[in-house]
C-alpha atoms as a PDB file:
ATOM      1  CA  MET A   1      76.457  50.316 -68.741  1.00  0.00           C
ATOM      2  CA  LYS A   2      75.028  52.524 -66.092  1.00  0.00           C
ATOM      3  CA  LEU A   3      71.503  51.684 -66.969  1.00  0.00           C
ATOM      4  CA  LEU A   4      72.144  47.974 -66.606  1.00  0.00           C
ATOM      5  CA  LEU A   5      73.773  48.429 -63.128  1.00  0.00           C
ATOM      6  CA  HIS A   6      70.772  50.334 -62.356  1.00  0.00           C
ATOM      7  CA  TYR A   7      68.378  47.593 -63.467  1.00  0.00           C
ATOM      8  CA  HIS A   8      70.354  44.981 -61.575  1.00  0.00           C
ATOM      9  CA  LYS A   9      70.366  47.036 -58.468  1.00  0.00           C
ATOM     10  CA  SER A  10      66.500  47.520 -58.603  1.00  0.00           C
ATOM     11  CA  LEU A  11      66.253  43.517 -59.108  1.00  0.00           C
ATOM     12  CA  SER A  12      68.734  43.291 -56.080  1.00  0.00           C
ATOM     13  CA  SER A  13      66.247  45.262 -53.846  1.00  0.00           C
ATOM     14  CA  PHE A  14      63.621  42.184 -54.167  1.00  0.00           C
ATOM     15  CA  ASN A  15      66.264  39.526 -54.625  1.00  0.00           C
ATOM     16  CA  ILE A  16      68.692  40.225 -51.553  1.00  0.00           C
ATOM     17  CA  PRO A  17      65.817  40.170 -48.793  1.00  0.00           C
ATOM     18  CA  PHE A  18      64.358  37.110 -50.008  1.00  0.00           C
ATOM     19  CA  SER A  19      67.785  35.282 -50.361  1.00  0.00           C
ATOM     20  CA  LEU A  20      69.043  36.501 -46.851  1.00  0.00           C
ATOM     21  CA  PHE A  21      65.730  34.774 -45.349  1.00  0.00           C
ATOM     22  CA  ALA A  22      66.514  31.678 -47.857  1.00  0.00           C
ATOM     23  CA  GLY A  23      70.003  31.497 -46.592  1.00  0.00           C
ATOM     24  CA  GLY A  24      69.012  31.083 -43.118  1.00  0.00           C
ATOM     25  CA  PHE A  25      67.271  27.803 -44.277  1.00  0.00           C
ATOM     26  CA  GLY A  26      70.269  26.796 -45.943  1.00  0.00           C
ATOM     27  CA  CYS A  27      72.112  27.348 -42.594  1.00  0.00           C
ATOM     28  CA  ALA A  28      69.818  25.494 -40.549  1.00  0.00           C
ATOM     29  CA  MET A  29      70.166  22.453 -43.075  1.00  0.00           C
ATOM     30  CA  ASN A  30      73.901  22.279 -43.174  1.00  0.00           C
ATOM     31  CA  GLY A  31      74.619  22.428 -39.660  1.00  0.00           C
ATOM     32  CA  ASN A  32      74.475  26.065 -38.826  1.00  0.00           C
ATOM     33  CA  THR A  33      77.863  26.977 -40.587  1.00  0.00           C
ATOM     34  CA  PHE A  34      78.640  30.147 -42.424  1.00  0.00           C
ATOM     35  CA  SER A  35      79.430  28.095 -45.499  1.00  0.00           C
ATOM     36  CA  GLY A  36      75.875  26.414 -45.569  1.00  0.00           C
ATOM     37  CA  TYR A  37      74.334  30.071 -44.841  1.00  0.00           C
ATOM     38  CA  MET A  38      76.339  31.223 -48.109  1.00  0.00           C
ATOM     39  CA  THR A  39      75.360  28.319 -50.054  1.00  0.00           C
ATOM     40  CA  GLY A  40      71.781  28.925 -49.650  1.00  0.00           C
ATOM     41  CA  PHE A  41      71.933  32.535 -50.077  1.00  0.00           C
ATOM     42  CA  LEU A  42      73.541  32.071 -53.285  1.00  0.00           C
ATOM     43  CA  LEU A  43      71.610  29.219 -54.691  1.00  0.00           C
ATOM     44  CA  SER A  44      68.587  31.420 -53.831  1.00  0.00           C
ATOM     45  CA  LEU A  45      70.396  34.439 -55.488  1.00  0.00           C
ATOM     46  CA  LEU A  46      70.834  32.293 -58.851  1.00  0.00           C
ATOM     47  CA  SER A  47      67.280  30.501 -59.115  1.00  0.00           C
ATOM     48  CA  GLY A  48      64.224  31.350 -56.897  1.00  0.00           C
ATOM     49  CA  GLY A  49      64.968  34.634 -55.549  1.00  0.00           C
ATOM     50  CA  PHE A  50      66.045  35.898 -59.031  1.00  0.00           C
ATOM     51  CA  LEU A  51      62.819  34.674 -60.568  1.00  0.00           C
ATOM     52  CA  LEU A  52      60.635  36.287 -57.838  1.00  0.00           C
ATOM     53  CA  SER A  53      62.726  39.579 -58.215  1.00  0.00           C
ATOM     54  CA  VAL A  54      62.048  39.661 -61.968  1.00  0.00           C
ATOM     55  CA  PHE A  55      58.400  38.646 -61.473  1.00  0.00           C
ATOM     56  CA  PHE A  56      57.964  41.585 -58.511  1.00  0.00           C
ATOM     57  CA  TYR A  57      59.927  43.862 -60.843  1.00  0.00           C
ATOM     58  CA  GLU A  58      57.405  43.321 -63.782  1.00  0.00           C
ATOM     59  CA  LEU A  59      54.383  43.726 -61.418  1.00  0.00           C
ATOM     60  CA  ARG A  60      55.714  46.800 -60.054  1.00  0.00           C
ATOM     61  CA  TYR A  61      57.478  48.361 -62.436  1.00  0.00           C
ATOM     62  CA  ALA A  62      56.259  47.116 -66.143  1.00  0.00           C
ATOM     63  CA  SER A  63      56.349  50.600 -67.386  1.00  0.00           C
ATOM     64  CA  ARG A  64      60.266  51.430 -66.799  1.00  0.00           C
ATOM     65  CA  TYR A  65      60.760  48.540 -69.511  1.00  0.00           C
ATOM     66  CA  TYR A  66      59.785  51.190 -72.070  1.00  0.00           C
ATOM     67  CA  PHE A  67      62.589  53.507 -70.772  1.00  0.00           C
ATOM     68  CA  TYR A  68      65.340  50.856 -71.341  1.00  0.00           C
ATOM     69  CA  TYR A  69      64.025  49.586 -74.602  1.00  0.00           C
ATOM     70  CA  ASN A  70      64.148  53.199 -75.775  1.00  0.00           C
ATOM     71  CA  LYS A  71      67.903  53.167 -74.724  1.00  0.00           C
ATOM     72  CA  GLY A  72      68.376  50.257 -76.599  1.00  0.00           C
ATOM     73  CA  TYR A  73      68.254  47.617 -73.950  1.00  0.00           C
ATOM     74  CA  SER A  74      65.464  44.826 -74.657  1.00  0.00           C
ATOM     75  CA  LYS A  75      63.928  43.011 -71.589  1.00  0.00           C
ATOM     76  CA  THR A  76      65.787  39.679 -72.359  1.00  0.00           C
ATOM     77  CA  ARG A  77      69.213  41.550 -72.259  1.00  0.00           C
ATOM     78  CA  LEU A  78      68.467  43.320 -69.319  1.00  0.00           C
ATOM     79  CA  VAL A  79      67.379  40.025 -67.338  1.00  0.00           C
ATOM     80  CA  GLY A  80      70.378  38.147 -68.755  1.00  0.00           C
ATOM     81  CA  ILE A  81      73.157  40.576 -67.811  1.00  0.00           C
ATOM     82  CA  SER A  82      71.756  40.986 -64.414  1.00  0.00           C
ATOM     83  CA  TYR A  83      71.812  37.043 -64.032  1.00  0.00           C
ATOM     84  CA  LEU A  84      75.460  37.063 -65.254  1.00  0.00           C
ATOM     85  CA  LEU A  85      76.203  39.438 -62.566  1.00  0.00           C
ATOM     86  CA  ASN A  86      74.613  37.112 -60.092  1.00  0.00           C
ATOM     87  CA  VAL A  87      76.598  34.188 -61.665  1.00  0.00           C
ATOM     88  CA  GLY A  88      79.972  36.220 -61.173  1.00  0.00           C
ATOM     89  CA  LEU A  89      79.116  36.773 -57.752  1.00  0.00           C
ATOM     90  CA  TRP A  90      78.780  33.143 -57.050  1.00  0.00           C
ATOM     91  CA  GLY A  91      82.149  32.555 -59.254  1.00  0.00           C
ATOM     92  CA  VAL A  92      84.071  35.057 -56.749  1.00  0.00           C
ATOM     93  CA  TYR A  93      82.451  32.892 -53.714  1.00  0.00           C
ATOM     94  CA  GLN A  94      83.594  29.804 -55.327  1.00  0.00           C
ATOM     95  CA  LEU A  95      86.967  31.003 -55.868  1.00  0.00           C
ATOM     96  CA  ILE A  96      87.271  32.318 -52.531  1.00  0.00           C
ATOM     97  CA  LYS A  97      85.859  28.980 -50.763  1.00  0.00           C
ATOM     98  CA  ASN A  98      88.435  26.979 -53.010  1.00  0.00           C
ATOM     99  CA  ILE A  99      91.386  28.873 -51.876  1.00  0.00           C
ATOM    100  CA  GLY A 100      90.395  27.877 -48.522  1.00  0.00           C
ATOM    101  CA  LEU A 101      89.753  31.909 -47.036  1.00  0.00           C
ATOM    102  CA  TRP A 102      86.458  30.357 -45.465  1.00  0.00           C
END
């Protein structure tokens, strides 16, 4: 599990800066609200930002996949679990939003 979190952290180092930037566009499109910013941020975190982070990780650290494979984790499993962690983050945001804390 520790290796999966390490992989997710490595992907997030690419994904979060791009998603923060995209969240600014979401904020501008939805009337400069925090909810608009978070919607843009999380939408980018789950779609384009995630795909870009997987692509950039592949370009920069392609040889690290051998390490994970030797530990028993395939590339598909690593990407899938990392995506599910991001979906969990989105689920927590939706739960907080529906409760009315934001």
